[in-house]
N, C-alpha and C. Protein backbone atom coordinates (compact mmCIF):
# COMPACT_ATOMS: atom_id res chain seq x y z
N MET A 1 -33.33 18.11 -35.85
CA MET A 1 -31.80 17.27 -36.41
C MET A 1 -31.07 17.39 -38.11
N THR A 2 -29.84 17.81 -37.85
CA THR A 2 -30.60 17.84 -40.17
C THR A 2 -28.88 16.94 -39.61
N SER A 3 -28.78 16.62 -40.16
CA SER A 3 -26.71 15.20 -40.21
C SER A 3 -26.01 15.97 -40.06
N THR A 4 -26.02 17.07 -40.36
CA THR A 4 -24.35 17.90 -39.95
C THR A 4 -24.01 17.17 -37.96
N ASP A 5 -25.58 18.40 -37.72
CA ASP A 5 -25.44 18.59 -36.06
C ASP A 5 -25.77 16.84 -35.64
N ALA A 6 -25.95 15.77 -36.44
CA ALA A 6 -25.72 14.02 -35.63
C ALA A 6 -24.44 13.88 -35.90
N ARG A 7 -23.65 14.86 -36.51
CA ARG A 7 -22.33 14.63 -36.47
C ARG A 7 -21.35 14.97 -35.58
N VAL A 8 -21.72 16.27 -35.34
CA VAL A 8 -21.27 16.92 -34.28
C VAL A 8 -21.29 16.20 -32.76
N LEU A 9 -22.64 15.59 -32.46
CA LEU A 9 -22.62 15.26 -31.64
C LEU A 9 -21.54 13.57 -31.83
N ASP A 10 -22.45 13.20 -32.70
CA ASP A 10 -21.18 12.04 -32.74
C ASP A 10 -19.78 11.94 -32.38
N GLN A 11 -19.50 12.70 -33.08
CA GLN A 11 -17.72 13.46 -32.15
C GLN A 11 -17.83 14.71 -31.12
N ILE A 12 -19.10 14.05 -30.38
CA ILE A 12 -18.81 15.26 -29.36
C ILE A 12 -18.62 13.97 -28.42
N ALA A 13 -20.24 13.46 -28.57
CA ALA A 13 -20.89 12.20 -27.33
C ALA A 13 -20.69 11.34 -28.23
N PRO A 14 -19.56 10.37 -28.24
CA PRO A 14 -19.92 8.72 -29.25
C PRO A 14 -20.92 8.46 -28.56
N ARG A 15 -22.15 7.68 -29.18
CA ARG A 15 -23.19 6.43 -28.65
C ARG A 15 -21.98 5.61 -28.17
N ALA A 16 -22.68 4.80 -27.66
CA ALA A 16 -23.12 3.87 -26.27
C ALA A 16 -22.95 3.00 -27.88
N PRO A 17 -22.40 1.61 -27.74
CA PRO A 17 -23.51 0.90 -28.34
C PRO A 17 -24.44 -0.30 -28.50
N ALA A 18 -24.73 -0.15 -28.89
CA ALA A 18 -26.64 -0.52 -28.48
C ALA A 18 -26.35 -2.20 -28.02
N ARG A 19 -27.68 -3.10 -26.95
CA ARG A 19 -26.72 -2.58 -25.80
C ARG A 19 -27.43 -4.68 -25.33
N TRP A 20 -27.52 -4.27 -27.56
CA TRP A 20 -27.96 -6.56 -27.75
C TRP A 20 -26.74 -6.62 -28.43
N HIS A 21 -25.60 -5.07 -28.46
CA HIS A 21 -23.86 -5.28 -28.67
C HIS A 21 -23.68 -6.20 -27.38
N ARG A 22 -24.00 -5.91 -26.14
CA ARG A 22 -23.65 -6.70 -24.83
C ARG A 22 -24.07 -7.74 -25.03
N LYS A 23 -25.48 -7.48 -24.94
CA LYS A 23 -26.07 -8.93 -24.52
C LYS A 23 -25.22 -10.13 -24.93
N ALA A 24 -25.13 -9.88 -26.75
CA ALA A 24 -24.75 -10.77 -27.40
C ALA A 24 -23.29 -10.96 -26.38
N LEU A 25 -22.32 -10.14 -26.62
CA LEU A 25 -21.18 -10.31 -26.04
C LEU A 25 -20.81 -10.73 -24.93
N ALA A 26 -21.68 -10.87 -23.63
CA ALA A 26 -22.02 -11.48 -22.37
C ALA A 26 -22.49 -13.47 -22.64
N ALA A 27 -22.99 -13.28 -23.60
CA ALA A 27 -23.61 -14.66 -24.34
C ALA A 27 -22.52 -15.35 -25.32
N ALA A 28 -21.71 -14.58 -25.28
CA ALA A 28 -20.93 -15.88 -26.26
C ALA A 28 -20.49 -16.30 -25.17
N LEU A 29 -19.26 -15.01 -24.25
CA LEU A 29 -18.46 -15.33 -23.52
C LEU A 29 -18.62 -16.75 -23.16
N LEU A 30 -20.17 -16.82 -22.01
CA LEU A 30 -20.62 -17.55 -21.28
C LEU A 30 -20.41 -19.09 -22.35
N VAL A 31 -21.34 -18.87 -23.04
CA VAL A 31 -21.14 -20.22 -23.96
C VAL A 31 -19.22 -20.72 -23.77
N ALA A 32 -18.66 -19.68 -24.42
CA ALA A 32 -16.88 -20.39 -23.77
C ALA A 32 -16.65 -20.69 -22.78
N VAL A 33 -17.10 -20.09 -21.64
CA VAL A 33 -16.40 -20.39 -20.44
C VAL A 33 -17.06 -22.20 -20.32
N ALA A 34 -18.57 -21.61 -20.91
CA ALA A 34 -18.47 -23.15 -20.07
C ALA A 34 -18.55 -24.20 -21.00
N LEU A 35 -17.79 -24.08 -22.84
CA LEU A 35 -17.35 -25.35 -23.28
C LEU A 35 -15.61 -25.71 -22.93
N ALA A 36 -15.54 -24.66 -21.62
CA ALA A 36 -13.80 -24.83 -21.74
C ALA A 36 -14.42 -25.83 -19.96
N ALA A 37 -15.18 -25.93 -19.57
CA ALA A 37 -16.12 -26.12 -18.57
C ALA A 37 -16.18 -27.51 -18.71
N VAL A 38 -16.60 -28.10 -19.98
CA VAL A 38 -16.77 -29.49 -20.45
C VAL A 38 -15.80 -29.65 -20.24
N ALA A 39 -15.08 -29.32 -21.19
CA ALA A 39 -13.74 -29.36 -21.49
C ALA A 39 -12.50 -30.06 -21.42
N THR A 40 -12.65 -29.68 -19.75
CA THR A 40 -11.80 -29.79 -19.15
C THR A 40 -12.09 -31.66 -18.24
N TRP A 41 -13.15 -31.49 -18.17
CA TRP A 41 -14.01 -32.57 -17.37
C TRP A 41 -13.81 -33.92 -17.84
N LEU A 42 -14.30 -33.37 -19.56
CA LEU A 42 -13.97 -34.80 -20.18
C LEU A 42 -12.69 -34.97 -20.14
N ARG A 43 -11.40 -33.97 -20.06
CA ARG A 43 -10.56 -34.49 -19.73
C ARG A 43 -9.72 -35.01 -18.20
N VAL A 44 -10.52 -34.86 -17.78
CA VAL A 44 -10.42 -35.27 -15.81
C VAL A 44 -11.06 -36.82 -16.07
N ALA A 45 -12.41 -36.60 -17.11
CA ALA A 45 -12.75 -37.93 -17.14
C ALA A 45 -12.36 -39.37 -17.67
N HIS A 46 -11.83 -38.54 -18.45
CA HIS A 46 -11.19 -39.76 -19.38
C HIS A 46 -10.19 -40.57 -18.56
N THR A 47 -9.20 -38.94 -17.81
CA THR A 47 -7.75 -40.14 -16.84
C THR A 47 -8.01 -40.51 -16.37
N ILE A 48 -9.11 -40.56 -15.37
CA ILE A 48 -9.84 -41.09 -14.40
C ILE A 48 -9.87 -42.70 -14.94
N ARG A 49 -10.75 -43.11 -16.39
CA ARG A 49 -11.06 -43.97 -16.38
C ARG A 49 -10.53 -44.64 -17.22
N HIS A 50 -8.95 -44.24 -17.91
CA HIS A 50 -8.15 -44.06 -18.05
C HIS A 50 -6.93 -44.14 -17.91
N PRO A 51 -6.63 -44.30 -16.23
CA PRO A 51 -5.08 -44.01 -16.27
C PRO A 51 -3.50 -44.48 -17.09
N HIS A 52 -2.96 -43.95 -17.34
CA HIS A 52 -1.92 -44.41 -17.51
C HIS A 52 -0.97 -44.99 -16.08
N PRO A 53 0.67 -46.45 -15.96
CA PRO A 53 0.47 -46.67 -14.89
C PRO A 53 1.60 -46.27 -14.80
N VAL A 54 2.72 -45.99 -13.52
CA VAL A 54 3.45 -46.12 -12.91
C VAL A 54 4.52 -46.55 -12.51
N ARG A 55 5.38 -46.44 -13.56
CA ARG A 55 6.57 -47.28 -13.37
C ARG A 55 7.57 -46.63 -11.91
N ILE A 56 7.72 -48.40 -11.51
CA ILE A 56 8.72 -48.38 -9.98
C ILE A 56 9.88 -48.89 -10.96
N THR A 57 10.63 -48.35 -11.12
CA THR A 57 12.26 -48.87 -11.61
C THR A 57 12.53 -49.02 -10.39
N ARG A 58 12.84 -49.40 -8.91
CA ARG A 58 12.67 -50.32 -8.13
C ARG A 58 11.79 -50.35 -6.74
N GLN A 59 11.73 -51.44 -6.13
CA GLN A 59 11.19 -51.92 -5.15
C GLN A 59 10.99 -50.62 -4.38
N PRO A 60 9.99 -50.30 -3.64
CA PRO A 60 10.44 -49.06 -2.40
C PRO A 60 10.70 -50.49 -0.71
N ARG A 61 11.86 -50.12 0.01
CA ARG A 61 11.72 -50.80 0.73
C ARG A 61 11.11 -50.75 2.65
N VAL A 62 10.34 -52.39 2.54
CA VAL A 62 9.59 -52.26 3.60
C VAL A 62 10.39 -51.68 5.44
N SER A 63 9.36 -50.91 6.07
CA SER A 63 10.46 -50.53 6.88
C SER A 63 9.39 -50.91 8.39
N ALA A 64 8.07 -50.88 8.27
CA ALA A 64 7.18 -50.70 9.18
C ALA A 64 6.60 -52.11 8.95
N LEU A 65 5.88 -52.03 10.19
CA LEU A 65 4.60 -53.31 10.10
C LEU A 65 3.54 -52.84 10.36
N VAL A 66 2.39 -53.06 9.45
CA VAL A 66 1.04 -52.70 9.27
C VAL A 66 0.20 -54.04 9.79
N TRP A 67 -0.30 -53.81 11.46
CA TRP A 67 -1.56 -54.35 11.28
C TRP A 67 -1.95 -54.33 13.36
N SER A 68 -3.49 -54.76 12.29
CA SER A 68 -5.07 -54.03 12.90
C SER A 68 -4.71 -52.20 13.33
N GLY A 69 -4.37 -52.33 11.18
CA GLY A 69 -4.63 -50.80 11.60
C GLY A 69 -3.96 -49.96 12.87
N ARG A 70 -2.60 -50.79 13.10
CA ARG A 70 -1.91 -49.76 13.26
C ARG A 70 -0.70 -49.90 13.62
N VAL A 71 0.73 -49.13 13.13
CA VAL A 71 2.17 -49.29 12.32
C VAL A 71 2.89 -49.63 13.52
N PHE A 72 4.30 -50.77 13.38
CA PHE A 72 4.69 -50.87 14.03
C PHE A 72 6.67 -50.87 13.30
N VAL A 73 7.07 -50.50 14.36
CA VAL A 73 8.15 -50.54 13.36
C VAL A 73 9.95 -50.40 13.90
N ASP A 74 9.37 -51.30 15.06
CA ASP A 74 9.80 -52.00 16.39
C ASP A 74 9.03 -52.91 16.96
N ALA A 75 10.21 -53.88 16.68
CA ALA A 75 9.15 -55.87 16.92
C ALA A 75 8.76 -55.99 18.97
N ALA A 76 10.16 -54.81 19.64
CA ALA A 76 8.71 -54.80 21.31
C ALA A 76 8.70 -53.36 21.17
N THR A 77 7.64 -53.02 20.15
CA THR A 77 6.85 -51.92 20.41
C THR A 77 4.99 -53.58 19.94
N PHE A 78 5.55 -54.16 19.31
CA PHE A 78 5.26 -54.91 19.02
C PHE A 78 4.34 -56.13 19.71
N LYS A 79 5.77 -56.74 20.10
CA LYS A 79 6.18 -57.32 21.36
C LYS A 79 4.21 -56.89 22.18
N ARG A 80 4.86 -55.05 23.24
CA ARG A 80 4.12 -55.05 24.15
C ARG A 80 2.62 -55.12 23.46
N TRP A 81 1.87 -55.06 22.12
CA TRP A 81 1.03 -54.80 22.05
C TRP A 81 0.25 -55.65 21.58
N LEU A 82 0.84 -57.03 21.44
CA LEU A 82 0.68 -58.61 21.60
C LEU A 82 0.56 -58.49 22.80
N ASP A 83 1.58 -58.34 23.78
CA ASP A 83 1.34 -58.97 25.23
C ASP A 83 -0.02 -58.09 26.16
N ALA A 84 -0.50 -57.07 25.10
CA ALA A 84 -1.63 -56.23 25.83
C ALA A 84 -2.96 -57.30 25.39
N ARG A 85 -2.84 -58.24 24.16
CA ARG A 85 -3.62 -58.93 24.06
C ARG A 85 -4.51 -60.58 24.35
N ASP A 86 -2.98 -60.75 25.70
CA ASP A 86 -1.80 -61.97 25.52
C ASP A 86 -1.88 -62.97 24.58
N VAL A 87 -1.27 -63.49 23.48
CA VAL A 87 -0.93 -63.43 21.70
C VAL A 87 0.65 -63.94 22.92
N PRO A 88 1.56 -64.72 22.67
CA PRO A 88 2.80 -65.04 23.09
C PRO A 88 2.92 -64.40 21.79
N TYR A 89 5.05 -63.90 21.46
CA TYR A 89 4.84 -63.47 19.97
C TYR A 89 5.31 -64.54 19.84
N ALA A 90 6.25 -64.90 20.48
CA ALA A 90 5.87 -67.04 19.44
C ALA A 90 5.75 -67.02 18.82
N GLN A 91 4.41 -67.51 19.35
CA GLN A 91 3.27 -67.99 18.57
C GLN A 91 3.14 -67.51 17.32
N TRP A 92 3.44 -66.47 17.44
CA TRP A 92 3.24 -64.99 16.31
C TRP A 92 3.23 -64.91 15.85
N ALA A 93 5.20 -65.09 15.84
CA ALA A 93 6.00 -64.96 14.67
C ALA A 93 5.78 -66.14 14.06
N ARG A 94 5.49 -67.61 14.72
CA ARG A 94 5.98 -68.75 13.93
C ARG A 94 4.92 -68.36 12.72
N THR A 95 3.84 -68.64 12.98
CA THR A 95 2.09 -67.92 12.04
C THR A 95 2.59 -67.40 11.05
N HIS A 96 3.27 -66.21 11.67
CA HIS A 96 3.54 -64.57 10.44
C HIS A 96 5.34 -64.47 10.20
N PRO A 97 5.61 -65.61 9.64
CA PRO A 97 7.22 -65.30 9.34
C PRO A 97 7.59 -64.20 7.79
N ARG A 98 6.25 -63.72 6.98
CA ARG A 98 7.46 -62.63 6.73
C ARG A 98 7.34 -61.47 7.49
N ALA A 99 6.31 -61.73 8.39
CA ALA A 99 5.71 -60.67 8.95
C ALA A 99 7.24 -59.68 9.68
N VAL A 100 7.52 -61.63 10.59
CA VAL A 100 9.25 -61.69 11.53
C VAL A 100 10.25 -59.98 10.99
N MET A 101 9.74 -61.39 9.08
CA MET A 101 11.52 -60.73 8.42
C MET A 101 11.14 -59.32 8.05
N ILE A 102 9.81 -58.35 7.59
CA ILE A 102 9.53 -56.97 8.00
C ILE A 102 10.21 -56.10 9.65
N LEU A 103 9.68 -56.96 10.69
CA LEU A 103 9.98 -56.41 12.48
C LEU A 103 11.80 -56.38 12.19
N GLU A 104 11.89 -57.55 11.36
CA GLU A 104 14.25 -57.56 11.97
C GLU A 104 14.33 -56.93 11.45
N ARG A 105 14.11 -56.33 9.94
CA ARG A 105 14.80 -55.45 9.38
C ARG A 105 14.96 -54.35 9.25
N ALA A 106 13.51 -54.20 9.58
CA ALA A 106 13.70 -52.45 10.06
C ALA A 106 14.37 -51.87 12.10
N HIS A 107 14.93 -53.53 12.13
CA HIS A 107 15.13 -53.52 13.97
C HIS A 107 16.76 -53.05 13.72
N GLY A 108 17.29 -54.07 12.86
CA GLY A 108 18.41 -54.37 12.06
C GLY A 108 18.65 -52.84 11.54
N ARG A 109 17.98 -52.04 10.86
CA ARG A 109 18.87 -50.87 10.01
C ARG A 109 18.41 -49.88 11.26
N ARG A 110 17.90 -49.31 11.65
CA ARG A 110 17.73 -48.61 13.14
C ARG A 110 19.40 -49.12 14.32
N ARG A 111 19.78 -50.53 13.94
CA ARG A 111 21.16 -50.11 14.83
C ARG A 111 22.12 -49.62 14.77
């Protein structure tokens, strides 16, 4: 085959890129994806390790009482729960005045 024949064949059916070109391109792409993944996880780890505080402009209003793993939104429900455990509400209220304030405030808002 002469050089003229080779040029004619290249024009008709160009040669496929060498196999090592495809392997090098695949390896470079794999390295780029791996570097992007590592950079992302390093950023996540940095954020978790050094979090920025969240500023709250106003304290949220507490409208329920969490007691013994349950949430009570009114005093009547809580009284029934205490009665089922043989605890008088008046006795409990004397020892937990702040919790009573929460229940009264929640009840007053619903009226």
